């Protein structure tokens, strides 16, 4: 849980940085390409070519192309349609996607994990915002596209690490994840990018560099590594922990108008779901799988 908690704090700033300094000012497709390219540079020096299963390389690139490449394509477009709080709120469905996809890959269904996910979704659902704009419906589905890609990627990575016997440390092969994302981002920018909306200020460049090297470069490695160390229920919960964390940052630094009572209640329920998962759901799932085997 340590990796996931640390990245949650790290990513809490990303939502507001994108919404305040990049959305509508810098071409979103260039932002995606820049972020992925910088993240790739972080792990290229560690990348190993010998002794790595070619099938694993291809699958890691597919996972990266989905979780980072396609997800960012949806994610950055959502900030053109929604406010930062709305984007955060609409990510609450990710835990359900995580749980269902993981069970699908394992060819089994674990209803106990859904208890954890549903509690987490209820908690995030307490965080409501008024003033929904006219792009609400389109924005909602765009965010769901990002959520599904993010869920497929992190669950896919967890599944690959469980299935393949990789003797090399994870940082020695994680560069393939970013190369897959870079392929997607390059094609997206080539087809839809607008070179007339490049960054024009030091702040915009600074935000892009931070998001690329730190939030993506270090963040996704730590997140996916953490995903391999917890059960699917805990992974689902930590996805929703991003919501209150991102909102707190948005409120404290950028002074967004938010109902603090609802935020506190929603955050408390999300923490409750984590406690339920660790103390009750995990035990129930282990018992059910043991009985089935």
C-alpha atoms as a PDB file:
ATOM      1  CA  UNK A   1       0.000   0.000   0.000  1.00  0.00           C
ATOM      2  CA  UNK A   2       2.976   2.295   0.504  1.00  0.00           C
ATOM      3  CA  UNK A   3       3.633   2.696  -3.223  1.00  0.00           C
ATOM      4  CA  UNK A   4      -0.030   3.389  -4.020  1.00  0.00           C
ATOM      5  CA  UNK A   5      -0.390   5.891  -1.169  1.00  0.00           C
ATOM      6  CA  UNK A   6       2.738   7.800  -2.195  1.00  0.00           C
ATOM      7  CA  UNK A   7       1.633   8.039  -5.817  1.00  0.00           C
ATOM      8  CA  UNK A   8      -1.844   9.135  -4.746  1.00  0.00           C
ATOM      9  CA  UNK A   9      -0.284  12.143  -3.024  1.00  0.00           C
ATOM     10  CA  UNK A  10       1.918  12.789  -6.048  1.00  0.00           C
ATOM     11  CA  UNK A  11      -0.933  12.620  -8.551  1.00  0.00           C
ATOM     12  CA  UNK A  12      -3.212  14.766  -6.399  1.00  0.00           C
ATOM     13  CA  UNK A  13      -1.514  17.817  -7.918  1.00  0.00           C
ATOM     14  CA  UNK A  14      -1.748  16.659 -11.533  1.00  0.00           C
ATOM     15  CA  UNK A  15      -5.477  17.315 -11.973  1.00  0.00           C
ATOM     16  CA  UNK A  16      -5.238  20.962 -10.977  1.00  0.00           C
ATOM     17  CA  UNK A  17      -1.968  21.590 -12.828  1.00  0.00           C
ATOM     18  CA  UNK A  18      -3.543  20.361 -16.062  1.00  0.00           C
ATOM     19  CA  UNK A  19      -6.848  22.165 -15.513  1.00  0.00           C
ATOM     20  CA  UNK A  20      -5.292  25.491 -14.483  1.00  0.00           C
ATOM     21  CA  UNK A  21      -2.161  25.789 -16.643  1.00  0.00           C
ATOM     22  CA  UNK A  22      -2.620  23.573 -19.710  1.00  0.00           C
ATOM     23  CA  UNK A  23      -6.276  22.927 -20.617  1.00  0.00           C
ATOM     24  CA  UNK A  24      -7.412  25.238 -23.396  1.00  0.00           C
ATOM     25  CA  UNK A  25      -3.999  26.945 -23.535  1.00  0.00           C
ATOM     26  CA  UNK A  26      -1.644  24.217 -24.782  1.00  0.00           C
ATOM     27  CA  UNK A  27      -2.599  21.691 -27.450  1.00  0.00           C
ATOM     28  CA  UNK A  28      -3.804  18.643 -25.548  1.00  0.00           C
ATOM     29  CA  UNK A  29      -2.265  16.184 -28.017  1.00  0.00           C
ATOM     30  CA  UNK A  30       1.129  17.866 -27.636  1.00  0.00           C
ATOM     31  CA  UNK A  31       0.737  17.723 -23.856  1.00  0.00           C
ATOM     32  CA  UNK A  32       0.146  13.974 -24.086  1.00  0.00           C
ATOM     33  CA  UNK A  33       3.134  13.459 -26.399  1.00  0.00           C
ATOM     34  CA  UNK A  34       5.448  15.613 -24.259  1.00  0.00           C
ATOM     35  CA  UNK A  35       4.415  13.879 -21.043  1.00  0.00           C
ATOM     36  CA  UNK A  36       4.868  10.373 -22.441  1.00  0.00           C
ATOM     37  CA  UNK A  37       8.147  11.195 -24.184  1.00  0.00           C
ATOM     38  CA  UNK A  38       9.678  12.582 -20.994  1.00  0.00           C
ATOM     39  CA  UNK A  39       8.439   9.606 -18.995  1.00  0.00           C
ATOM     40  CA  UNK A  40      10.081   7.282 -21.535  1.00  0.00           C
ATOM     41  CA  UNK A  41      13.426   9.042 -21.066  1.00  0.00           C
ATOM     42  CA  UNK A  42      13.379   8.232 -17.343  1.00  0.00           C
ATOM     43  CA  UNK A  43      13.487   4.476 -17.905  1.00  0.00           C
ATOM     44  CA  UNK A  44      15.333   4.131 -21.212  1.00  0.00           C
ATOM     45  CA  UNK A  45      18.755   3.996 -19.459  1.00  0.00           C
ATOM     46  CA  UNK A  46      17.581   0.980 -17.444  1.00  0.00           C
ATOM     47  CA  UNK A  47      15.939  -0.885 -20.335  1.00  0.00           C
ATOM     48  CA  UNK A  48      17.183  -4.443 -20.891  1.00  0.00           C
ATOM     49  CA  UNK A  49      16.933  -6.118 -24.291  1.00  0.00           C
ATOM     50  CA  UNK A  50      18.649  -9.439 -23.624  1.00  0.00           C
ATOM     51  CA  UNK A  51      16.936 -12.127 -21.617  1.00  0.00           C
ATOM     52  CA  UNK A  52      13.483 -10.581 -21.913  1.00  0.00           C
ATOM     53  CA  UNK A  53      10.679 -12.678 -23.366  1.00  0.00           C
ATOM     54  CA  UNK A  54       9.564 -11.157 -26.696  1.00  0.00           C
ATOM     55  CA  UNK A  55       5.953 -11.934 -25.868  1.00  0.00           C
ATOM     56  CA  UNK A  56       6.285 -10.033 -22.618  1.00  0.00           C
ATOM     57  CA  UNK A  57       7.794  -7.047 -24.448  1.00  0.00           C
ATOM     58  CA  UNK A  58       4.850  -6.888 -26.826  1.00  0.00           C
ATOM     59  CA  UNK A  59       2.309  -7.221 -24.031  1.00  0.00           C
ATOM     60  CA  UNK A  60       4.024  -4.544 -21.932  1.00  0.00           C
ATOM     61  CA  UNK A  61       3.894  -2.170 -24.908  1.00  0.00           C
ATOM     62  CA  UNK A  62       0.201  -2.929 -25.382  1.00  0.00           C
ATOM     63  CA  UNK A  63      -0.461  -2.307 -21.691  1.00  0.00           C
ATOM     64  CA  UNK A  64       1.442   0.987 -21.811  1.00  0.00           C
ATOM     65  CA  UNK A  65      -0.280   2.035 -25.017  1.00  0.00           C
ATOM     66  CA  UNK A  66      -3.639   1.517 -23.334  1.00  0.00           C
ATOM     67  CA  UNK A  67      -3.010   2.665 -19.748  1.00  0.00           C
ATOM     68  CA  UNK A  68      -0.893   5.681 -20.589  1.00  0.00           C
ATOM     69  CA  UNK A  69      -1.285   6.451 -24.300  1.00  0.00           C
ATOM     70  CA  UNK A  70      -5.017   6.008 -24.877  1.00  0.00           C
ATOM     71  CA  UNK A  71      -5.893   7.022 -21.330  1.00  0.00           C
ATOM     72  CA  UNK A  72      -4.123  10.371 -21.700  1.00  0.00           C
ATOM     73  CA  UNK A  73      -5.846  10.974 -25.051  1.00  0.00           C
ATOM     74  CA  UNK A  74      -9.220  10.724 -23.302  1.00  0.00           C
ATOM     75  CA  UNK A  75      -8.022  12.355 -20.069  1.00  0.00           C
ATOM     76  CA  UNK A  76      -6.634  15.574 -21.543  1.00  0.00           C
ATOM     77  CA  UNK A  77      -9.695  16.051 -23.747  1.00  0.00           C
ATOM     78  CA  UNK A  78     -11.930  15.831 -20.672  1.00  0.00           C
ATOM     79  CA  UNK A  79     -10.413  19.030 -19.249  1.00  0.00           C
ATOM     80  CA  UNK A  80     -11.706  20.884 -22.322  1.00  0.00           C
ATOM     81  CA  UNK A  81     -15.232  19.759 -21.473  1.00  0.00           C
ATOM     82  CA  UNK A  82     -15.319  19.692 -17.669  1.00  0.00           C
ATOM     83  CA  UNK A  83     -13.951  21.511 -14.649  1.00  0.00           C
ATOM     84  CA  UNK A  84     -11.253  19.916 -12.487  1.00  0.00           C
ATOM     85  CA  UNK A  85     -13.784  18.886  -9.778  1.00  0.00           C
ATOM     86  CA  UNK A  86     -16.045  17.292 -12.399  1.00  0.00           C
ATOM     87  CA  UNK A  87     -13.174  15.308 -13.892  1.00  0.00           C
ATOM     88  CA  UNK A  88     -12.238  14.112 -10.416  1.00  0.00           C
ATOM     89  CA  UNK A  89     -15.822  13.168  -9.586  1.00  0.00           C
ATOM     90  CA  UNK A  90     -16.276  11.144 -12.768  1.00  0.00           C
ATOM     91  CA  UNK A  91     -13.256   8.962 -11.999  1.00  0.00           C
ATOM     92  CA  UNK A  92     -15.164   7.215  -9.203  1.00  0.00           C
ATOM     93  CA  UNK A  93     -16.187   4.373 -11.499  1.00  0.00           C
ATOM     94  CA  UNK A  94     -12.599   3.200 -12.030  1.00  0.00           C
ATOM     95  CA  UNK A  95     -12.633   0.766  -9.044  1.00  0.00           C
ATOM     96  CA  UNK A  96     -15.519  -1.195 -10.550  1.00  0.00           C
ATOM     97  CA  UNK A  97     -13.661  -1.482 -13.855  1.00  0.00           C
ATOM     98  CA  UNK A  98     -10.513  -2.610 -12.032  1.00  0.00           C
ATOM     99  CA  UNK A  99     -12.329  -5.337 -10.115  1.00  0.00           C
ATOM    100  CA  UNK A 100     -14.318  -6.682 -13.048  1.00  0.00           C
ATOM    101  CA  UNK A 101     -11.367  -6.723 -15.463  1.00  0.00           C
ATOM    102  CA  UNK A 102      -9.123  -8.488 -12.969  1.00  0.00           C
ATOM    103  CA  UNK A 103     -11.747 -11.167 -12.361  1.00  0.00           C
ATOM    104  CA  UNK A 104     -12.236 -11.544 -16.126  1.00  0.00           C
ATOM    105  CA  UNK A 105      -8.514 -12.175 -16.660  1.00  0.00           C
ATOM    106  CA  UNK A 106      -8.510 -14.730 -13.844  1.00  0.00           C
ATOM    107  CA  UNK A 107     -11.640 -16.391 -15.291  1.00  0.00           C
ATOM    108  CA  UNK A 108     -13.437 -16.006 -11.992  1.00  0.00           C
ATOM    109  CA  UNK A 109     -15.863 -13.670 -10.295  1.00  0.00           C
ATOM    110  CA  UNK A 110     -15.294 -12.312  -6.774  1.00  0.00           C
ATOM    111  CA  UNK A 111     -18.450 -10.576  -5.537  1.00  0.00           C
ATOM    112  CA  UNK A 112     -16.740  -9.711  -2.250  1.00  0.00           C
ATOM    113  CA  UNK A 113     -14.411  -7.303  -4.053  1.00  0.00           C
ATOM    114  CA  UNK A 114     -17.444  -5.489  -5.430  1.00  0.00           C
ATOM    115  CA  UNK A 115     -18.451  -4.722  -1.842  1.00  0.00           C
ATOM    116  CA  UNK A 116     -15.212  -2.786  -1.435  1.00  0.00           C
ATOM    117  CA  UNK A 117     -15.592  -1.023  -4.772  1.00  0.00           C
ATOM    118  CA  UNK A 118     -19.224  -0.075  -4.180  1.00  0.00           C
ATOM    119  CA  UNK A 119     -18.455   1.409  -0.751  1.00  0.00           C
ATOM    120  CA  UNK A 120     -15.639   3.429  -2.299  1.00  0.00           C
ATOM    121  CA  UNK A 121     -17.921   4.672  -5.079  1.00  0.00           C
ATOM    122  CA  UNK A 122     -20.565   5.677  -2.527  1.00  0.00           C
ATOM    123  CA  UNK A 123     -17.939   7.640  -0.642  1.00  0.00           C
ATOM    124  CA  UNK A 124     -16.767   9.475  -3.730  1.00  0.00           C
ATOM    125  CA  UNK A 125     -20.398  10.035  -4.696  1.00  0.00           C
ATOM    126  CA  UNK A 126     -20.842  12.226  -1.621  1.00  0.00           C
ATOM    127  CA  UNK A 127     -18.491  14.719  -3.228  1.00  0.00           C
ATOM    128  CA  UNK A 128     -20.902  16.589  -5.458  1.00  0.00           C
ATOM    129  CA  UNK A 129     -20.598  19.823  -7.345  1.00  0.00           C
ATOM    130  CA  UNK A 130     -23.155  22.279  -8.731  1.00  0.00           C
ATOM    131  CA  UNK A 131     -22.936  24.171 -11.986  1.00  0.00           C
ATOM    132  CA  UNK A 132     -22.615  21.218 -14.349  1.00  0.00           C
ATOM    133  CA  UNK A 133     -21.878  22.690 -17.775  1.00  0.00           C
ATOM    134  CA  UNK A 134     -23.444  21.875 -21.127  1.00  0.00           C
ATOM    135  CA  UNK A 135     -20.695  19.388 -21.956  1.00  0.00           C
ATOM    136  CA  UNK A 136     -21.634  17.233 -18.974  1.00  0.00           C
ATOM    137  CA  UNK A 137     -22.765  14.112 -20.851  1.00  0.00           C
ATOM    138  CA  UNK A 138     -19.953  14.115 -23.420  1.00  0.00           C
ATOM    139  CA  UNK A 139     -17.410  14.859 -20.712  1.00  0.00           C
ATOM    140  CA  UNK A 140     -18.736  12.036 -18.578  1.00  0.00           C
ATOM    141  CA  UNK A 141     -18.217   9.460 -21.329  1.00  0.00           C
ATOM    142  CA  UNK A 142     -14.786  10.845 -22.215  1.00  0.00           C
ATOM    143  CA  UNK A 143     -13.694  10.399 -18.586  1.00  0.00           C
ATOM    144  CA  UNK A 144     -15.127   6.871 -18.592  1.00  0.00           C
ATOM    145  CA  UNK A 145     -12.979   6.128 -21.624  1.00  0.00           C
ATOM    146  CA  UNK A 146      -9.945   7.258 -19.624  1.00  0.00           C
ATOM    147  CA  UNK A 147     -11.082   5.228 -16.606  1.00  0.00           C
ATOM    148  CA  UNK A 148     -11.480   2.031 -18.617  1.00  0.00           C
ATOM    149  CA  UNK A 149      -8.060   2.437 -20.260  1.00  0.00           C
ATOM    150  CA  UNK A 150      -6.454   3.112 -16.885  1.00  0.00           C
ATOM    151  CA  UNK A 151      -8.150   0.059 -15.360  1.00  0.00           C
ATOM    152  CA  UNK A 152      -7.208  -2.238 -18.251  1.00  0.00           C
ATOM    153  CA  UNK A 153      -3.597  -1.090 -18.076  1.00  0.00           C
ATOM    154  CA  UNK A 154      -2.949  -1.452 -14.374  1.00  0.00           C
ATOM    155  CA  UNK A 155      -4.796  -4.761 -14.120  1.00  0.00           C
ATOM    156  CA  UNK A 156      -3.046  -6.000 -17.258  1.00  0.00           C
ATOM    157  CA  UNK A 157       0.342  -5.139 -15.791  1.00  0.00           C
ATOM    158  CA  UNK A 158      -0.510  -6.876 -12.523  1.00  0.00           C
ATOM    159  CA  UNK A 159      -1.659  -9.944 -14.458  1.00  0.00           C
ATOM    160  CA  UNK A 160       1.509 -10.023 -16.599  1.00  0.00           C
ATOM    161  CA  UNK A 161       3.794  -9.815 -13.573  1.00  0.00           C
ATOM    162  CA  UNK A 162       1.885 -12.676 -11.962  1.00  0.00           C
ATOM    163  CA  UNK A 163       1.954 -14.831 -15.096  1.00  0.00           C
ATOM    164  CA  UNK A 164       5.518 -14.316 -16.343  1.00  0.00           C
ATOM    165  CA  UNK A 165       8.526 -15.377 -14.309  1.00  0.00           C
ATOM    166  CA  UNK A 166      10.644 -12.257 -14.707  1.00  0.00           C
ATOM    167  CA  UNK A 167      14.048 -12.518 -13.091  1.00  0.00           C
ATOM    168  CA  UNK A 168      15.003  -8.949 -13.953  1.00  0.00           C
ATOM    169  CA  UNK A 169      13.890  -6.112 -11.644  1.00  0.00           C
ATOM    170  CA  UNK A 170      10.735  -4.378 -12.845  1.00  0.00           C
ATOM    171  CA  UNK A 171      12.504  -1.086 -13.616  1.00  0.00           C
ATOM    172  CA  UNK A 172      14.649  -2.940 -16.190  1.00  0.00           C
ATOM    173  CA  UNK A 173      11.612  -3.773 -18.350  1.00  0.00           C
ATOM    174  CA  UNK A 174       9.218  -0.926 -17.539  1.00  0.00           C
ATOM    175  CA  UNK A 175      10.617   1.171 -20.369  1.00  0.00           C
ATOM    176  CA  UNK A 176       8.664  -1.007 -22.795  1.00  0.00           C
ATOM    177  CA  UNK A 177       5.493   0.195 -21.081  1.00  0.00           C
ATOM    178  CA  UNK A 178       6.377   3.800 -21.928  1.00  0.00           C
ATOM    179  CA  UNK A 179       7.486   2.968 -25.465  1.00  0.00           C
ATOM    180  CA  UNK A 180       4.054   1.516 -26.132  1.00  0.00           C
ATOM    181  CA  UNK A 181       2.449   4.697 -24.838  1.00  0.00           C
ATOM    182  CA  UNK A 182       4.846   6.798 -26.934  1.00  0.00           C
ATOM    183  CA  UNK A 183       3.711   5.021 -30.099  1.00  0.00           C
ATOM    184  CA  UNK A 184       0.076   5.891 -29.363  1.00  0.00           C
ATOM    185  CA  UNK A 185       0.863   9.500 -28.369  1.00  0.00           C
ATOM    186  CA  UNK A 186       2.968  10.082 -31.497  1.00  0.00           C
ATOM    187  CA  UNK A 187       0.226   8.858 -33.815  1.00  0.00           C
ATOM    188  CA  UNK A 188      -2.410  10.918 -31.968  1.00  0.00           C
ATOM    189  CA  UNK A 189      -0.352  14.129 -32.219  1.00  0.00           C
ATOM    190  CA  UNK A 190       0.481  13.508 -35.887  1.00  0.00           C
ATOM    191  CA  UNK A 191      -3.197  13.088 -36.735  1.00  0.00           C
ATOM    192  CA  UNK A 192      -4.848  15.684 -34.468  1.00  0.00           C
ATOM    193  CA  UNK A 193      -2.163  17.949 -33.002  1.00  0.00           C
ATOM    194  CA  UNK A 194      -2.214  21.726 -33.446  1.00  0.00           C
ATOM    195  CA  UNK A 195       1.284  23.224 -33.716  1.00  0.00           C
ATOM    196  CA  UNK A 196      -0.171  26.713 -33.276  1.00  0.00           C
ATOM    197  CA  UNK A 197      -0.939  25.974 -29.613  1.00  0.00           C
ATOM    198  CA  UNK A 198       2.498  25.105 -28.267  1.00  0.00           C
ATOM    199  CA  UNK A 199       3.548  26.148 -24.731  1.00  0.00           C
ATOM    200  CA  UNK A 200       4.441  29.834 -24.570  1.00  0.00           C
ATOM    201  CA  UNK A 201       5.406  30.402 -20.921  1.00  0.00           C
ATOM    202  CA  UNK A 202       8.000  29.020 -18.537  1.00  0.00           C
ATOM    203  CA  UNK A 203       5.169  27.900 -16.260  1.00  0.00           C
ATOM    204  CA  UNK A 204       3.562  25.785 -18.979  1.00  0.00           C
ATOM    205  CA  UNK A 205       6.882  24.161 -19.860  1.00  0.00           C
ATOM    206  CA  UNK A 206       7.621  23.611 -16.190  1.00  0.00           C
ATOM    207  CA  UNK A 207       4.268  21.907 -15.630  1.00  0.00           C
ATOM    208  CA  UNK A 208       4.793  19.655 -18.655  1.00  0.00           C
ATOM    209  CA  UNK A 209       8.287  18.689 -17.497  1.00  0.00           C
ATOM    210  CA  UNK A 210       7.055  17.935 -13.977  1.00  0.00           C
ATOM    211  CA  UNK A 211       4.128  15.873 -15.254  1.00  0.00           C
ATOM    212  CA  UNK A 212       6.364  13.953 -17.653  1.00  0.00           C
ATOM    213  CA  UNK A 213       9.408  13.210 -15.517  1.00  0.00           C
ATOM    214  CA  UNK A 214       7.845  12.957 -12.065  1.00  0.00           C
ATOM    215  CA  UNK A 215       4.088  12.309 -12.220  1.00  0.00           C
ATOM    216  CA  UNK A 216       4.327   9.930 -15.199  1.00  0.00           C
ATOM    217  CA  UNK A 217       7.953   8.814 -15.238  1.00  0.00           C
ATOM    218  CA  UNK A 218       8.183   7.858 -11.585  1.00  0.00           C
ATOM    219  CA  UNK A 219       4.483   7.784 -10.735  1.00  0.00           C
ATOM    220  CA  UNK A 220       3.303   5.079 -13.127  1.00  0.00           C
ATOM    221  CA  UNK A 221       6.182   2.766 -12.314  1.00  0.00           C
ATOM    222  CA  UNK A 222       5.516   3.088  -8.574  1.00  0.00           C
ATOM    223  CA  UNK A 223       1.753   2.717  -9.082  1.00  0.00           C
ATOM    224  CA  UNK A 224       1.990  -0.416 -11.226  1.00  0.00           C
ATOM    225  CA  UNK A 225       4.616  -1.927  -8.933  1.00  0.00           C
ATOM    226  CA  UNK A 226       2.296  -1.251  -6.002  1.00  0.00           C
ATOM    227  CA  UNK A 227      -0.574  -2.835  -7.943  1.00  0.00           C
ATOM    228  CA  UNK A 228       1.344  -6.119  -8.056  1.00  0.00           C
ATOM    229  CA  UNK A 229       1.639  -6.139  -4.249  1.00  0.00           C
ATOM    230  CA  UNK A 230      -2.033  -5.763  -3.247  1.00  0.00           C
ATOM    231  CA  UNK A 231      -5.299  -7.552  -3.971  1.00  0.00           C
ATOM    232  CA  UNK A 232      -7.767  -6.269  -6.548  1.00  0.00           C
ATOM    233  CA  UNK A 233     -10.059  -4.815  -3.885  1.00  0.00           C
ATOM    234  CA  UNK A 234      -7.337  -2.655  -2.342  1.00  0.00           C
ATOM    235  CA  UNK A 235      -6.263  -1.553  -5.815  1.00  0.00           C
ATOM    236  CA  UNK A 236      -9.843  -0.513  -6.556  1.00  0.00           C
ATOM    237  CA  UNK A 237     -10.036   1.543  -3.371  1.00  0.00           C
ATOM    238  CA  UNK A 238      -6.759   3.354  -3.982  1.00  0.00           C
ATOM    239  CA  UNK A 239      -8.030   4.427  -7.380  1.00  0.00           C
ATOM    240  CA  UNK A 240     -10.809   6.330  -5.628  1.00  0.00           C
ATOM    241  CA  UNK A 241      -8.486   7.787  -3.000  1.00  0.00           C
ATOM    242  CA  UNK A 242      -7.285  10.063  -5.813  1.00  0.00           C
ATOM    243  CA  UNK A 243     -10.635  11.869  -5.720  1.00  0.00           C
ATOM    244  CA  UNK A 244     -10.494  13.407  -2.216  1.00  0.00           C
ATOM    245  CA  UNK A 245      -6.722  13.906  -2.495  1.00  0.00           C
ATOM    246  CA  UNK A 246      -7.090  15.815  -5.749  1.00  0.00           C
ATOM    247  CA  UNK A 247      -9.952  17.861  -4.365  1.00  0.00           C
ATOM    248  CA  UNK A 248      -8.037  18.838  -1.226  1.00  0.00           C
ATOM    249  CA  UNK A 249      -5.158  20.133  -3.360  1.00  0.00           C
ATOM    250  CA  UNK A 250      -7.599  21.963  -5.624  1.00  0.00           C
ATOM    251  CA  UNK A 251      -9.307  23.623  -2.665  1.00  0.00           C
ATOM    252  CA  UNK A 252      -6.249  24.536  -0.626  1.00  0.00           C
ATOM    253  CA  UNK A 253      -4.125  25.936  -3.462  1.00  0.00           C
ATOM    254  CA  UNK A 254      -6.607  27.131  -6.077  1.00  0.00           C
ATOM    255  CA  UNK A 255      -9.524  27.925  -3.751  1.00  0.00           C
ATOM    256  CA  UNK A 256     -12.253  26.090  -5.614  1.00  0.00           C
ATOM    257  CA  UNK A 257     -15.754  26.372  -4.232  1.00  0.00           C
ATOM    258  CA  UNK A 258     -16.587  23.037  -2.653  1.00  0.00           C
ATOM    259  CA  UNK A 259     -18.767  21.707   0.135  1.00  0.00           C
ATOM    260  CA  UNK A 260     -16.195  20.819   2.792  1.00  0.00           C
ATOM    261  CA  UNK A 261     -18.667  18.722   4.784  1.00  0.00           C
ATOM    262  CA  UNK A 262     -19.461  16.531   1.799  1.00  0.00           C
ATOM    263  CA  UNK A 263     -15.771  16.207   1.007  1.00  0.00           C
ATOM    264  CA  UNK A 264     -15.004  15.109   4.573  1.00  0.00           C
ATOM    265  CA  UNK A 265     -17.853  12.576   4.627  1.00  0.00           C
ATOM    266  CA  UNK A 266     -16.938  11.172   1.223  1.00  0.00           C
ATOM    267  CA  UNK A 267     -13.269  10.847   2.158  1.00  0.00           C
ATOM    268  CA  UNK A 268     -14.183   9.107   5.421  1.00  0.00           C
ATOM    269  CA  UNK A 269     -16.339   6.563   3.585  1.00  0.00           C
ATOM    270  CA  UNK A 270     -13.511   5.843   1.133  1.00  0.00           C
ATOM    271  CA  UNK A 271     -11.168   5.209   4.058  1.00  0.00           C
ATOM    272  CA  UNK A 272     -13.837   2.973   5.577  1.00  0.00           C
ATOM    273  CA  UNK A 273     -13.954   0.935   2.370  1.00  0.00           C
ATOM    274  CA  UNK A 274     -10.186   0.426   2.584  1.00  0.00           C
ATOM    275  CA  UNK A 275     -10.533  -0.776   6.177  1.00  0.00           C
ATOM    276  CA  UNK A 276     -13.378  -3.134   5.214  1.00  0.00           C
ATOM    277  CA  UNK A 277     -11.275  -4.507   2.377  1.00  0.00           C
ATOM    278  CA  UNK A 278      -8.208  -5.178   4.506  1.00  0.00           C
ATOM    279  CA  UNK A 279      -9.998  -6.618   7.535  1.00  0.00           C
ATOM    280  CA  UNK A 280     -13.013  -8.437   6.103  1.00  0.00           C
ATOM    281  CA  UNK A 281     -13.215  -8.666   2.293  1.00  0.00           C
ATOM    282  CA  UNK A 282      -9.695 -10.008   1.807  1.00  0.00           C
ATOM    283  CA  UNK A 283     -10.366 -12.832   4.249  1.00  0.00           C
ATOM    284  CA  UNK A 284     -13.708 -13.697   2.621  1.00  0.00           C
ATOM    285  CA  UNK A 285     -12.182 -13.820  -0.845  1.00  0.00           C
ATOM    286  CA  UNK A 286      -9.327 -16.057   0.255  1.00  0.00           C
ATOM    287  CA  UNK A 287     -11.821 -18.428   1.900  1.00  0.00           C
ATOM    288  CA  UNK A 288     -14.020 -18.554  -1.210  1.00  0.00           C
ATOM    289  CA  UNK A 289     -11.073 -19.253  -3.535  1.00  0.00           C
ATOM    290  CA  UNK A 290      -9.733 -21.901  -1.169  1.00  0.00           C
ATOM    291  CA  UNK A 291     -13.126 -23.609  -1.059  1.00  0.00           C
ATOM    292  CA  UNK A 292     -13.438 -23.498  -4.850  1.00  0.00           C
ATOM    293  CA  UNK A 293     -10.024 -25.098  -5.329  1.00  0.00           C
END
